[in-house]
Amino acid sequence: MYIVNTFAFLGIYDYTAYLFVDFYKGDGIIYARFWEDKEDIEINNTGGTIDIIYNIFKITILSNRKKRRRDR
């Protein structure tokens, strides 16, 4: 999560109700739920850290989804 949180300033958490990565036997699994959906997303990654970060970018900042409005 430290590596994922490094990219938080890009707004990856503005698209999701939750987003985390779980590792089992070297493979990272991305778990997420978009704030406007009720469906959970599970993405299996057999590659390395770069693949995990890229997949997170694809489902968040590179998607055409709406951002969640946050009051600062």
Protein backbone atom coordinates (compact mmCIF):
# COMPACT_ATOMS: atom_id res chain seq x y z
CA MET A 1 0.00 0.00 0.00
CA TYR A 2 2.97 2.30 0.51
CA ILE A 3 3.68 2.23 -3.22
CA VAL A 4 0.01 2.73 -4.12
CA ASN A 5 -0.28 5.63 -1.67
CA THR A 6 2.72 7.25 -3.37
CA PHE A 7 0.37 7.99 -6.28
CA ALA A 8 -2.51 9.29 -4.15
CA PHE A 9 -1.67 12.88 -5.12
CA LEU A 10 -2.79 12.01 -8.68
CA GLY A 11 -6.31 11.41 -7.39
CA ILE A 12 -6.55 7.62 -7.65
CA TYR A 13 -8.77 7.51 -4.56
CA ASP A 14 -11.20 10.09 -5.97
CA TYR A 15 -12.82 7.40 -8.12
CA THR A 16 -13.32 4.64 -5.58
CA ALA A 17 -15.09 3.88 -2.32
CA TYR A 18 -12.18 1.58 -1.54
CA LEU A 19 -9.00 0.51 -3.29
CA PHE A 20 -6.34 -1.84 -2.01
CA VAL A 21 -3.90 -4.50 -3.17
CA ASP A 22 -3.57 -7.91 -1.57
CA PHE A 23 -0.66 -10.25 -2.28
CA TYR A 24 -0.77 -14.01 -2.25
CA LYS A 25 2.20 -16.13 -3.33
CA GLY A 26 3.73 -13.20 -5.18
CA ASP A 27 0.67 -12.22 -7.20
CA GLY A 28 -1.04 -8.92 -6.46
CA ILE A 29 -4.82 -8.69 -6.56
CA ILE A 30 -6.42 -5.26 -6.84
CA TYR A 31 -9.72 -4.91 -5.01
CA ALA A 32 -11.82 -1.83 -5.67
CA ARG A 33 -15.35 -0.47 -5.74
CA PHE A 34 -16.26 2.66 -7.62
CA TRP A 35 -18.15 5.13 -5.50
CA GLU A 36 -21.12 5.31 -7.90
CA ASP A 37 -21.38 1.51 -8.36
CA LYS A 38 -22.40 -1.29 -6.04
CA GLU A 39 -20.22 -3.85 -7.85
CA ASP A 40 -16.83 -4.96 -6.52
CA ILE A 41 -13.86 -5.19 -8.87
CA GLU A 42 -11.13 -7.80 -8.55
CA ILE A 43 -8.14 -7.68 -10.92
CA ASN A 44 -5.49 -10.39 -10.78
CA ASN A 45 -1.94 -9.32 -11.61
CA THR A 46 0.76 -11.82 -12.40
CA GLY A 47 3.28 -9.15 -13.33
CA GLY A 48 5.32 -6.88 -11.13
CA THR A 49 4.75 -3.60 -9.39
CA ILE A 50 4.65 -1.62 -12.63
CA ASP A 51 1.76 -3.75 -13.91
CA ILE A 52 -0.16 -3.27 -10.68
CA ILE A 53 0.28 0.51 -10.73
CA TYR A 54 -0.65 0.68 -14.43
CA ASN A 55 -3.83 -1.35 -13.83
CA ILE A 56 -4.77 0.97 -10.96
CA PHE A 57 -4.23 3.96 -13.25
CA LYS A 58 -6.38 2.34 -15.98
CA ILE A 59 -9.35 1.88 -13.66
CA THR A 60 -9.02 5.30 -12.02
CA ILE A 61 -7.30 8.32 -13.57
CA LEU A 62 -7.19 6.93 -17.12
CA SER A 63 -10.85 5.90 -17.13
CA ASN A 64 -13.73 8.09 -18.21
CA ARG A 65 -15.48 7.77 -14.87
CA LYS A 66 -16.62 10.73 -12.80
CA LYS A 67 -14.61 11.74 -9.78
CA ARG A 68 -16.13 11.81 -6.35
CA ARG A 69 -16.57 15.35 -5.11
CA ARG A 70 -14.56 15.99 -1.98
CA ASP A 71 -14.74 19.02 0.29
CA ARG A 72 -11.36 20.15 1.47
